[in-house]
Structures are given as structure tokens and as C-alpha cells.
């Protein structure tokens, strides 16, 4: 049934590519509401793997997001099949920064051994992505996953966009990882009146841990 649907929608692609994209996206939205999210990611993987043309960013971006979402919600995803599909997908489409974060969050949640394998791409994709909301996205990712080494690698790139948030992230992670002295070194650049509420709290905690009160 899926094959027949793909064949019929592909036939209408030549007449109106925009309508074709909308039909595919609507179909996925319907599938994602089904009790079993497996239907959605099976449809997406079948479509991408059987479609000979290069996908455009709008359609493939949406499909990647929904594939990752349905994978996280499915209880019996095969890790090897997932990684094979991701490799096939990135051969046709470059994941932008939010999708890279979503990919690694999916791997983390499911306990996949390839978690972190795209970290080397983060620096360039972060700098390329124009939306300033990327600061909130990377902050959430680094703090939720306690990624100190990655934060240190991205620190100056984040700092160029928002110095205070970069320092909030790195000082929090230093505290999480029992590096109170490093936390205080970063905060030395600020007077107490310049510190945000979060940074004041981090400073107090760092002093407390190092018995400097």
C-alpha cells in the first residue's frame, strides 16, 4: 500500500512540485497521529530511499524532523537500521544545526553507541545557521547532556553571538563537573553588578565548594 501511494504521488510531482511536497507532508502528519509511530518512520524511510531525485531542504528537513520524532516514540527501533537510514539521508541532504541537535538527542535518548558522532559538524553548522534561537537550542543541549568538552570547543563561537549566555553555559558545566576554580576564573571578568541571577548563583556555589566564604 505504501509503494502504491509513493508511485502515485511521484507521478504528480512533475505537474506541481509544491503540491507534491504538501501532499507528502500532510500524509506524514496523519501518520504521526496514529497509535503506532512506526507507521510514520517506515513511510518516511521508504519514501526517501525509493525516491531517486535529490530532496529539497524544505521537504527533507520536515521529513527528517518527523522521522527522528517518531523514532524516539517507537519502542522497537532497530539501531542498525536507524544508522543506515541516517547515513543514506545525509548522502542526499545536509542536516542544518537544529536537526543535528535533534539527531544527537535521539541517539542519546535511545542509548545508541553513535551518540556524539556528528559533534565535529557542530562548529560549522552553528556558525552557518542564521537564526539566533540557535543559542537557546545549543544551551539546552549542552546543559541537558552535560557536554563540557563540546561546550569548551564551541565556547568562543557561542560567545561571538551572546557573551553572557556563553559564560552562563560554561560556568554551569564547570560546576556540574566539579571544576569550581574554572567557574570562578570565567566569572572574574564580571563585577557582581554585571552578573545575571544565574551567574551570581553559580559564583556563590563555586565559592561555597572551594571554602572561600
Protein backbone atom coordinates (compact mmCIF):
# COMPACT_ATOMS: atom_id res chain seq x y z
CA UNK A 1 0.00 0.00 0.00
CA UNK A 2 2.84 2.39 0.82
CA UNK A 3 4.52 1.56 -2.50
CA UNK A 4 1.33 2.31 -4.43
CA UNK A 5 0.99 5.63 -2.61
CA UNK A 6 4.59 6.57 -3.39
CA UNK A 7 4.12 5.69 -7.03
CA UNK A 8 1.00 7.78 -7.39
CA UNK A 9 2.43 10.81 -5.62
CA UNK A 10 5.62 10.63 -7.65
CA UNK A 11 3.57 10.74 -10.84
CA UNK A 12 2.09 14.10 -9.81
CA UNK A 13 5.47 15.54 -8.85
CA UNK A 14 6.20 16.75 -12.37
CA UNK A 15 2.95 18.73 -12.60
CA UNK A 16 3.34 20.71 -9.38
CA UNK A 17 6.28 20.09 -7.07
CA UNK A 18 4.84 22.35 -4.37
CA UNK A 19 1.60 20.39 -4.27
CA UNK A 20 3.60 17.17 -4.24
CA UNK A 21 5.56 18.33 -1.18
CA UNK A 22 2.39 19.38 0.62
CA UNK A 23 0.73 16.02 -0.05
CA UNK A 24 3.74 14.16 1.37
CA UNK A 25 3.92 16.41 4.43
CA UNK A 26 0.18 16.05 5.07
CA UNK A 27 0.44 12.28 4.79
CA UNK A 28 3.23 12.25 7.40
CA UNK A 29 1.22 14.46 9.75
CA UNK A 30 -1.65 12.00 9.53
CA UNK A 31 0.61 9.02 10.16
CA UNK A 32 2.29 10.61 13.16
CA UNK A 33 -1.13 10.77 14.86
CA UNK A 34 -1.57 7.03 14.59
CA UNK A 35 -1.24 4.97 17.80
CA UNK A 36 1.91 3.37 16.38
CA UNK A 37 4.62 5.92 15.41
CA UNK A 38 6.32 3.11 13.48
CA UNK A 39 3.96 3.79 10.54
CA UNK A 40 5.38 7.30 10.17
CA UNK A 41 9.05 6.46 10.19
CA UNK A 42 8.53 3.45 7.90
CA UNK A 43 6.74 5.69 5.41
CA UNK A 44 9.45 8.35 5.59
CA UNK A 45 12.33 5.90 5.21
CA UNK A 46 10.56 4.12 2.33
CA UNK A 47 9.91 7.41 0.56
CA UNK A 48 13.43 8.78 0.86
CA UNK A 49 15.14 5.51 -0.01
CA UNK A 50 12.92 4.93 -3.07
CA UNK A 51 13.00 8.49 -4.39
CA UNK A 52 15.74 8.88 -6.98
CA UNK A 53 15.77 12.67 -7.03
CA UNK A 54 17.65 14.90 -4.66
CA UNK A 55 15.35 16.24 -1.97
CA UNK A 56 14.92 19.95 -1.36
CA UNK A 57 15.61 21.46 2.04
CA UNK A 58 12.01 22.18 2.97
CA UNK A 59 10.72 18.66 2.36
CA UNK A 60 13.74 16.72 3.60
CA UNK A 61 14.08 18.94 6.65
CA UNK A 62 10.48 18.29 7.61
CA UNK A 63 10.78 14.56 6.92
CA UNK A 64 13.99 14.28 8.96
CA UNK A 65 12.42 16.07 11.92
CA UNK A 66 9.34 13.83 11.83
CA UNK A 67 11.44 10.70 11.36
CA UNK A 68 13.51 11.49 14.45
CA UNK A 69 10.38 12.35 16.42
CA UNK A 70 8.64 9.09 15.52
CA UNK A 71 11.81 7.09 16.18
CA UNK A 72 12.05 8.45 19.71
CA UNK A 73 8.43 7.49 20.34
CA UNK A 74 8.72 3.98 18.92
CA UNK A 75 9.67 1.20 21.34
CA UNK A 76 11.27 -1.26 18.90
CA UNK A 77 13.53 0.78 16.63
CA UNK A 78 16.49 -1.16 15.29
CA UNK A 79 19.72 0.78 15.89
CA UNK A 80 21.48 -0.57 12.80
CA UNK A 81 18.53 0.26 10.54
CA UNK A 82 18.32 3.73 12.06
CA UNK A 83 22.01 4.49 11.49
CA UNK A 84 21.92 3.08 7.96
CA UNK A 85 18.99 5.32 7.14
CA UNK A 86 20.72 8.37 8.62
CA UNK A 87 23.81 7.68 6.51
CA UNK A 88 21.64 7.38 3.40
CA UNK A 89 19.76 10.57 4.31
CA UNK A 90 22.88 12.70 4.79
CA UNK A 91 24.20 11.50 1.44
CA UNK A 92 21.27 13.37 -0.12
CA UNK A 93 20.67 16.21 2.31
CA UNK A 94 22.82 18.32 4.64
CA UNK A 95 21.32 18.48 8.11
CA UNK A 96 21.18 22.02 9.45
CA UNK A 97 22.11 22.83 13.03
CA UNK A 98 18.73 22.21 14.75
CA UNK A 99 18.42 18.83 13.01
CA UNK A 100 21.93 17.84 14.10
CA UNK A 101 20.93 18.61 17.68
CA UNK A 102 17.74 16.60 17.23
CA UNK A 103 19.70 13.68 15.78
CA UNK A 104 22.11 13.58 18.71
CA UNK A 105 19.28 13.97 21.23
CA UNK A 106 17.58 10.98 19.61
CA UNK A 107 20.74 8.89 19.82
CA UNK A 108 21.21 9.92 23.44
CA UNK A 109 17.64 9.11 24.45
CA UNK A 110 17.77 5.70 22.78
CA UNK A 111 21.24 4.89 24.11
CA UNK A 112 22.77 4.42 20.66
CA UNK A 113 26.52 3.95 20.51
CA UNK A 114 26.91 6.55 17.74
CA UNK A 115 25.85 9.36 20.08
CA UNK A 116 28.26 12.24 19.51
CA UNK A 117 29.41 11.12 16.07
CA UNK A 118 28.25 14.37 14.46
CA UNK A 119 29.78 16.68 17.09
CA UNK A 120 32.59 17.52 14.68
CA UNK A 121 30.00 19.18 12.43
CA UNK A 122 28.52 21.34 15.17
CA UNK A 123 31.01 24.20 14.91
CA UNK A 124 30.49 24.91 11.22
CA UNK A 125 26.75 24.30 11.24
CA UNK A 126 26.33 26.52 14.31
CA UNK A 127 28.16 29.37 12.60
CA UNK A 128 26.25 28.88 9.35
CA UNK A 129 22.80 28.84 10.90
CA UNK A 130 21.33 32.39 10.87
CA UNK A 131 18.59 32.12 13.49
CA UNK A 132 19.70 33.50 16.87
CA UNK A 133 17.43 30.99 18.61
CA UNK A 134 20.29 28.57 17.99
CA UNK A 135 21.76 29.98 21.22
CA UNK A 136 18.85 28.64 23.26
CA UNK A 137 18.99 25.34 21.37
CA UNK A 138 22.69 24.73 21.98
CA UNK A 139 22.42 25.85 25.61
CA UNK A 140 19.65 23.32 26.26
CA UNK A 141 21.57 20.55 24.52
CA UNK A 142 24.85 21.17 26.34
CA UNK A 143 23.28 21.51 29.78
CA UNK A 144 20.82 18.62 29.48
CA UNK A 145 23.52 16.26 28.27
CA UNK A 146 26.34 17.66 30.43
CA UNK A 147 28.61 18.12 27.42
CA UNK A 148 31.53 20.06 28.89
CA UNK A 149 34.12 19.16 26.23
CA UNK A 150 31.77 20.13 23.42
CA UNK A 151 30.89 23.36 25.23
CA UNK A 152 34.57 24.24 25.51
CA UNK A 153 35.02 23.60 21.78
CA UNK A 154 32.06 25.83 20.92
CA UNK A 155 32.62 28.44 23.63
CA UNK A 156 34.14 31.20 21.51
CA UNK A 157 31.64 30.67 18.69
CA UNK A 158 28.74 30.98 21.13
CA UNK A 159 30.44 33.96 22.78
CA UNK A 160 30.50 35.85 19.47
CA UNK A 161 26.70 35.67 19.37
CA UNK A 162 25.97 36.18 23.07
CA UNK A 163 28.80 36.54 25.58
CA UNK A 164 26.66 36.27 28.70
CA UNK A 165 24.88 33.08 27.65
CA UNK A 166 28.20 31.52 26.63
CA UNK A 167 29.56 32.26 30.09
CA UNK A 168 26.39 31.02 31.79
CA UNK A 169 26.70 27.73 29.92
CA UNK A 170 30.36 27.14 30.61
CA UNK A 171 30.22 28.14 34.28
CA UNK A 172 27.23 25.86 34.87
CA UNK A 173 29.04 22.96 33.25
CA UNK A 174 32.18 23.61 35.26
CA UNK A 175 30.07 23.36 38.40
CA UNK A 176 28.34 20.19 37.18
CA UNK A 177 31.77 18.63 36.69
CA UNK A 178 33.37 19.73 39.99
CA UNK A 179 35.55 22.41 38.41
CA UNK A 180 34.69 25.28 40.72
CA UNK A 181 38.02 27.06 40.23
CA UNK A 182 37.48 27.15 36.47
CA UNK A 183 33.99 28.51 37.07
CA UNK A 184 35.37 31.35 39.16
CA UNK A 185 38.03 32.12 36.55
CA UNK A 186 35.33 32.83 33.98
CA UNK A 187 33.31 34.96 36.42
CA UNK A 188 36.32 37.10 37.30
CA UNK A 189 35.65 39.09 34.13
CA UNK A 190 32.44 40.44 35.69
CA UNK A 191 31.66 42.68 38.61
CA UNK A 192 28.83 41.48 40.83
CA UNK A 193 26.53 44.11 39.36
CA UNK A 194 27.17 42.76 35.86
CA UNK A 195 26.36 39.15 36.73
CA UNK A 196 23.00 37.65 35.81
CA UNK A 197 20.99 35.90 38.52
CA UNK A 198 22.20 32.53 37.24
CA UNK A 199 25.83 33.61 37.30
CA UNK A 200 25.51 35.04 40.79
CA UNK A 201 24.15 31.69 41.93
CA UNK A 202 26.98 29.83 40.20
CA UNK A 203 29.52 32.15 41.80
CA UNK A 204 28.07 31.63 45.26
CA UNK A 205 28.06 27.86 44.78
CA UNK A 206 31.63 27.85 43.48
CA UNK A 207 32.80 29.89 46.47
CA UNK A 208 30.95 27.54 48.79
CA UNK A 209 32.58 24.48 47.26
CA UNK A 210 36.05 25.98 47.47
CA UNK A 211 35.53 27.21 51.07
CA UNK A 212 36.22 30.80 50.08
CA UNK A 213 33.35 32.28 52.11
